[in-house]
Amino acid sequence: MPINVTLDVMLAKRKVRAKDLAQTIGLSETQMSQLRNGKIKGVRFSTICKICYHLDCQPSDLFEYIKDDIDLLED
């Protein structure tokens, strides 16, 4: 997948535990773990907004696009 989730980097920079952020924004620890590991197919904008608010960051701090020509073949 060409989208790399860099949430762990922001958690480390802000010295926030994933468990604490999950509780604060209303996600289960399982959902937070799946998000952190990139094992999700999608994420709600409202969830991204909550994460950015609590970590004082931008969405681009949470996700990174890695260009891959195979992406042109997938739908």
Protein backbone atom coordinates (compact mmCIF):
# COMPACT_ATOMS: atom_id res chain seq x y z
CA MET A 1 0.00 0.00 0.00
CA PRO A 2 1.44 3.39 -0.94
CA ILE A 3 0.15 5.14 2.17
CA ASN A 4 2.42 4.77 5.18
CA VAL A 5 0.89 5.61 8.58
CA THR A 6 3.35 7.65 10.64
CA LEU A 7 1.14 8.05 13.69
CA ASP A 8 3.73 6.36 15.90
CA VAL A 9 6.22 9.10 15.05
CA MET A 10 3.82 11.80 16.23
CA LEU A 11 2.94 9.84 19.36
CA ALA A 12 6.64 9.62 20.21
CA LYS A 13 7.25 13.31 19.46
CA ARG A 14 4.35 14.32 21.69
CA LYS A 15 5.18 11.70 24.33
CA VAL A 16 1.63 10.35 24.22
CA ARG A 17 0.80 6.68 24.62
CA ALA A 18 -1.43 5.17 21.94
CA LYS A 19 -3.66 3.72 24.65
CA ASP A 20 -4.22 7.18 26.16
CA LEU A 21 -4.95 8.80 22.78
CA ALA A 22 -7.39 6.01 21.90
CA GLN A 23 -9.27 6.55 25.14
CA THR A 24 -9.30 10.33 24.69
CA ILE A 25 -10.71 10.26 21.15
CA GLY A 26 -13.08 7.33 21.66
CA LEU A 27 -11.34 4.53 19.76
CA SER A 28 -10.79 1.04 21.08
CA GLU A 29 -7.21 -0.05 21.63
CA THR A 30 -7.71 -2.58 18.81
CA GLN A 31 -8.82 0.14 16.39
CA MET A 32 -5.87 2.32 17.39
CA SER A 33 -3.48 -0.59 16.90
CA GLN A 34 -4.89 -1.33 13.45
CA LEU A 35 -4.59 2.34 12.48
CA ARG A 36 -1.00 2.56 13.75
CA ASN A 37 -0.05 -0.60 11.82
CA GLY A 38 -1.76 0.51 8.59
CA LYS A 39 -4.12 -2.48 8.68
CA ILE A 40 -7.21 -0.45 7.87
CA LYS A 41 -8.92 0.24 4.56
CA GLY A 42 -10.16 3.67 5.56
CA VAL A 43 -10.38 6.19 8.36
CA ARG A 44 -13.02 8.81 9.04
CA PHE A 45 -12.10 12.46 8.67
CA SER A 46 -13.61 13.06 12.11
CA THR A 47 -11.11 10.57 13.59
CA ILE A 48 -8.22 12.28 11.81
CA CYS A 49 -9.47 15.64 13.12
CA LYS A 50 -9.56 14.35 16.70
CA ILE A 51 -6.08 12.89 16.43
CA CYS A 52 -4.68 16.10 14.94
CA TYR A 53 -6.40 18.19 17.61
CA HIS A 54 -5.01 16.17 20.49
CA LEU A 55 -1.52 15.78 19.02
CA ASP A 56 -1.44 19.37 17.71
CA CYS A 57 -0.39 18.26 14.24
CA GLN A 58 -1.50 18.18 10.62
CA PRO A 59 -2.87 15.15 8.69
CA SER A 60 0.36 15.13 6.69
CA ASP A 61 2.17 14.39 9.97
CA LEU A 62 0.17 11.16 10.26
CA PHE A 63 0.35 9.82 6.71
CA GLU A 64 2.99 9.59 4.03
CA TYR A 65 2.44 8.77 0.35
CA ILE A 66 4.97 6.45 -1.24
CA LYS A 67 4.81 6.58 -5.03
CA ASP A 68 4.40 3.17 -6.66
CA ASP A 69 3.57 2.62 -10.34
CA ILE A 70 1.49 -0.44 -9.47
CA ASP A 71 -1.07 1.95 -7.92
CA LEU A 72 -2.09 2.92 -11.46
CA LEU A 73 -3.32 -0.64 -12.05
CA GLU A 74 -5.48 -0.95 -8.93
CA ASP A 75 -9.05 0.30 -8.51
